[in-house]
Protein backbone atom coordinates (compact mmCIF):
# COMPACT_ATOMS: atom_id res chain seq x y z
CA MET A 1 -28.48 -6.09 4.42
CA ASN A 2 -28.17 -9.43 6.18
CA ARG A 3 -28.45 -10.18 9.86
CA TYR A 4 -24.78 -9.40 10.43
CA ALA A 5 -25.38 -5.76 9.38
CA PRO A 6 -21.96 -5.07 7.82
CA GLU A 7 -23.01 -1.54 6.88
CA LEU A 8 -23.70 -0.72 10.51
CA ALA A 9 -20.25 -2.05 11.43
CA LEU A 10 -18.70 0.31 8.89
CA VAL A 11 -20.65 3.26 10.27
CA ALA A 12 -19.71 2.38 13.86
CA GLY A 13 -16.03 1.94 13.00
CA GLY A 14 -15.96 5.14 10.98
CA LEU A 15 -17.55 7.14 13.77
CA LEU A 16 -15.22 5.73 16.41
CA GLY A 17 -12.18 6.32 14.23
CA VAL A 18 -13.15 9.90 13.41
CA VAL A 19 -14.11 10.77 16.99
CA PHE A 20 -11.03 9.34 18.71
CA GLY A 21 -8.66 10.25 15.89
CA GLY A 22 -10.02 13.77 15.84
CA PHE A 23 -9.63 14.03 19.60
CA VAL A 24 -5.98 13.00 19.35
CA LEU A 25 -5.36 15.42 16.50
CA VAL A 26 -6.89 18.36 18.37
CA SER A 27 -5.41 17.58 21.79
CA VAL A 28 -1.94 16.43 20.76
CA GLY A 29 -1.53 18.04 17.35
CA GLU A 30 0.02 14.96 15.78
CA PHE A 31 -1.46 13.77 12.51
CA TYR A 32 0.44 10.48 12.59
CA SER A 33 -0.93 9.60 16.04
CA ALA A 34 -4.45 10.54 14.98
CA ALA A 35 -4.18 8.40 11.84
CA ILE A 36 -2.96 5.38 13.80
CA VAL A 37 -5.76 5.76 16.36
CA CYS A 38 -8.30 6.12 13.58
CA ALA A 39 -7.02 2.94 11.94
CA LEU A 40 -6.99 1.03 15.23
CA PHE A 41 -10.65 1.81 15.80
CA GLY A 42 -11.85 1.66 12.21
CA TYR A 43 -10.04 -1.28 10.63
CA PRO A 44 -11.49 -4.07 12.85
CA PHE A 45 -15.03 -2.92 12.04
CA ALA A 46 -14.15 -2.63 8.35
CA ALA A 47 -12.68 -6.14 8.37
CA TYR A 48 -15.86 -7.47 9.97
CA ALA A 49 -17.98 -5.73 7.35
CA VAL A 50 -15.88 -7.00 4.45
CA TYR A 51 -15.94 -10.55 5.79
CA ASN A 52 -19.71 -10.64 6.22
CA ASP A 53 -20.79 -8.61 3.20
CA THR A 54 -21.35 -10.56 0.00
CA GLU A 55 -20.38 -7.54 -2.13
CA PRO A 56 -18.19 -5.19 -0.07
CA THR A 57 -17.01 -3.29 -3.14
CA THR A 58 -20.42 -1.65 -3.48
CA VAL A 59 -19.66 0.31 -0.31
CA LEU A 60 -15.87 0.22 -0.06
CA TRP A 61 -14.58 1.05 -3.52
CA PRO A 62 -11.10 -0.55 -3.72
CA TRP A 63 -9.43 2.23 -5.71
CA LEU A 64 -10.89 4.97 -3.51
CA VAL A 65 -10.01 3.48 -0.13
CA THR A 66 -6.54 2.59 -1.40
CA ALA A 67 -5.97 6.16 -2.53
CA ILE A 68 -7.18 7.52 0.81
CA SER A 69 -4.99 5.14 2.82
CA GLY A 70 -2.03 5.93 0.57
CA LEU A 71 -2.44 9.65 1.16
CA ALA A 72 -2.79 8.99 4.89
CA ALA A 73 0.42 6.94 4.84
CA ILE A 74 2.28 9.74 3.06
CA GLY A 75 0.87 12.21 5.58
CA ILE A 76 2.13 10.03 8.42
CA VAL A 77 5.66 9.98 7.02
CA VAL A 78 5.64 13.74 6.45
CA ASP A 79 4.27 14.42 9.93
CA VAL A 80 6.86 12.18 11.59
CA LEU A 81 9.62 14.01 9.73
CA ARG A 82 8.06 17.31 10.80
CA LEU A 83 7.82 16.43 14.48
CA PHE A 84 11.14 14.67 14.75
CA SER A 85 14.42 15.62 13.14
CA PRO A 86 14.36 15.03 9.37
CA SER A 87 16.63 12.01 9.48
CA LEU A 88 16.79 8.47 8.20
CA LYS A 89 15.80 7.22 11.66
CA ALA A 90 12.63 9.28 11.63
CA LEU A 91 11.96 8.23 8.05
CA LEU A 92 12.14 4.53 8.94
CA PHE A 93 9.78 5.06 11.86
CA GLY A 94 7.35 6.95 9.65
CA VAL A 95 7.54 4.34 6.91
CA PHE A 96 6.70 1.58 9.39
CA LEU A 97 3.64 3.45 10.67
CA GLY A 98 2.59 4.32 7.13
CA LEU A 99 2.78 0.67 6.10
CA LEU A 100 0.56 -0.30 9.02
CA VAL A 101 -2.11 2.06 7.70
CA PHE A 102 -1.69 1.37 3.97
CA LEU A 103 -1.08 -2.37 3.62
CA PRO A 104 -4.36 -3.68 5.10
CA VAL A 105 -6.31 -1.53 2.66
CA ALA A 106 -4.02 -2.50 -0.22
CA ALA A 107 -4.62 -6.17 0.64
CA TYR A 108 -8.37 -5.58 0.48
CA ALA A 109 -8.02 -3.86 -2.90
CA ALA A 110 -5.89 -6.69 -4.28
CA GLN A 111 -8.40 -9.28 -3.10
CA TYR A 112 -11.63 -7.61 -4.19
CA GLY A 113 -10.56 -5.15 -6.83
CA SER A 114 -8.63 -5.16 -10.10
CA PRO A 115 -5.07 -3.86 -9.70
CA PRO A 116 -3.98 -1.50 -12.50
CA GLY A 117 -2.12 -3.08 -15.39
CA TRP A 118 1.16 -1.33 -14.59
CA LEU A 119 1.34 -3.26 -11.31
CA ALA A 120 2.77 -6.38 -12.93
CA PRO A 121 3.20 -9.16 -10.33
CA ARG A 122 6.83 -10.05 -10.93
CA PRO A 123 8.20 -6.49 -11.03
CA VAL A 124 6.22 -5.75 -7.86
CA GLU A 125 7.71 -8.81 -6.17
CA ALA A 126 11.24 -7.95 -7.30
CA GLY A 127 10.82 -4.33 -6.26
CA SER A 128 9.47 -5.27 -2.85
CA THR A 129 12.41 -7.62 -2.31
CA VAL A 130 14.93 -4.91 -3.18
CA LEU A 131 13.08 -2.42 -0.98
CA ALA A 132 12.96 -4.90 1.92
CA VAL A 133 16.71 -5.48 1.74
CA SER A 134 17.28 -1.71 1.54
CA LEU A 135 15.15 -1.19 4.65
CA LEU A 136 17.16 -3.83 6.49
CA VAL A 137 20.41 -2.15 5.55
CA ALA A 138 19.07 1.30 6.43
CA GLY A 139 17.92 0.07 9.82
CA LEU A 140 21.29 -1.47 10.58
CA SER A 141 23.23 1.59 9.44
CA THR A 142 21.19 4.02 11.56
CA GLY A 143 20.82 1.96 14.72
CA THR A 144 17.07 1.51 14.20
CA ALA A 145 17.09 -2.13 13.25
CA VAL A 146 13.65 -2.71 14.77
CA TRP A 147 11.85 -0.26 12.46
CA GLY A 148 13.92 -1.27 9.45
CA ALA A 149 13.39 -4.98 10.04
CA ALA A 150 9.66 -4.61 10.74
CA SER A 151 9.14 -2.50 7.61
CA ALA A 152 11.22 -4.92 5.53
CA LEU A 153 9.13 -7.83 6.78
CA LEU A 154 5.87 -6.11 5.86
CA VAL A 155 7.08 -5.01 2.43
CA PHE A 156 8.50 -8.40 1.48
CA VAL A 157 5.43 -10.35 2.57
CA ALA A 158 3.09 -7.90 0.84
CA GLY A 159 4.98 -8.10 -2.45
CA THR A 160 5.27 -11.88 -2.41
CA VAL A 161 1.62 -12.45 -1.56
CA PHE A 162 0.50 -9.96 -4.21
CA ALA A 163 2.52 -11.76 -6.90
CA ALA A 164 1.35 -15.19 -5.76
CA HIS A 165 -2.29 -14.05 -5.70
CA SER A 166 -1.97 -12.86 -9.30
CA THR A 167 0.08 -15.62 -10.91
CA GLY A 168 0.35 -18.41 -8.34
CA ILE A 169 3.54 -19.75 -6.84
CA SER A 170 5.39 -22.93 -7.74
CA SER A 171 6.31 -25.54 -5.17
CA ARG A 172 9.97 -25.08 -6.12
CA ARG A 173 9.78 -21.39 -5.34
CA GLN A 174 8.08 -22.15 -2.02
CA ARG A 175 11.02 -24.36 -1.10
CA ARG A 176 13.62 -21.82 -2.21
CA LEU A 177 12.23 -18.82 -0.35
CA PRO A 178 12.98 -20.12 3.18
CA VAL A 179 16.44 -21.24 2.08
CA ALA A 180 17.19 -17.80 0.69
CA GLY A 181 16.00 -16.23 3.94
CA LEU A 182 18.24 -18.50 5.99
CA LEU A 183 21.23 -17.67 3.82
CA LEU A 184 20.58 -13.95 4.18
CA ALA A 185 20.16 -14.32 7.94
CA ALA A 186 23.43 -16.24 8.19
CA SER A 187 25.19 -13.54 6.17
CA LEU A 188 23.82 -10.83 8.42
CA LEU A 189 24.86 -12.63 11.58
CA GLY A 190 28.29 -13.32 10.13
CA THR A 191 28.71 -9.65 9.28
CA GLY A 192 27.66 -8.69 12.80
CA VAL A 193 30.20 -11.04 14.36
CA PHE A 194 32.94 -9.84 12.01
CA THR A 195 32.32 -6.14 12.64
CA GLY A 196 32.12 -6.55 16.41
CA GLY A 197 29.90 -4.60 18.76
CA SER A 198 26.40 -5.50 19.85
CA LEU A 199 24.73 -8.32 17.96
CA ASP A 200 21.20 -7.23 18.85
CA PRO A 201 20.54 -5.23 15.65
CA TRP A 202 21.98 -8.00 13.51
CA VAL A 203 19.84 -10.61 15.25
CA THR A 204 16.76 -8.43 14.70
CA ALA A 205 17.51 -8.10 10.99
CA SER A 206 18.24 -11.82 10.75
CA LEU A 207 14.89 -12.68 12.31
CA ALA A 208 13.15 -10.56 9.69
CA ALA A 209 15.14 -12.32 6.96
CA VAL A 210 14.05 -15.71 8.29
CA PHE A 211 10.42 -15.02 9.08
CA GLY A 212 9.66 -12.98 5.96
CA PRO A 213 9.93 -15.97 3.60
CA LEU A 214 8.33 -18.32 6.12
CA ILE A 215 5.28 -16.10 6.54
CA SER A 216 5.08 -15.62 2.77
CA VAL A 217 5.10 -19.37 2.17
CA ALA A 218 2.41 -19.87 4.81
CA LEU A 219 0.17 -17.18 3.31
CA THR A 220 0.61 -18.42 -0.28
CA ALA A 221 0.11 -22.12 0.41
CA ASN A 222 -3.24 -22.06 -1.42
CA PHE A 223 -1.83 -20.30 -4.49
CA ASN A 224 0.19 -23.26 -5.79
CA ARG A 225 0.41 -23.76 -9.52
């Protein structure tokens, strides 16, 4: 243990997360709220511990914490659907919250662990792109463009960064991603103008289409090949 005491940070974050998350679960009866509170208290301490520990995988096993966060994310979605009406709106809200809990841990596992062989970089990137577009469309069709756009942004960036971390990213691809995002945003805005009505949801989706590639390029700048 070094002077930064990363293990103590993990213990402190875990205790705070369990105590406050448990309090929310008992008092409110909402698993999704308890899980979010637990993550809000625990993740900053975990990030501090990972940053300062020379070998964080000896304490935080990547496959184990990823499995736990994945189950928590599924539980969040199920709980949201239980508490609210089982609808696409509720599903999008639950998916967004689940991604907030799962993706930070998945990023840690991708950085410090060894992803399973079936998670090939390019299929993951293609699948995340298709899923991101589907989330955008679902958000627009249900009047919940904010949750759809936010989830699409997270999914697209996660898939792109994962692929770039594994295989690198070419400078040509880095130039094409923002252009593709701008074209998609222009198409969305054009569709919104053509269909009439409020442009707010279309603008929200367009912003996600623009900033998703831009954030991905910024985060993968060091992965050039």
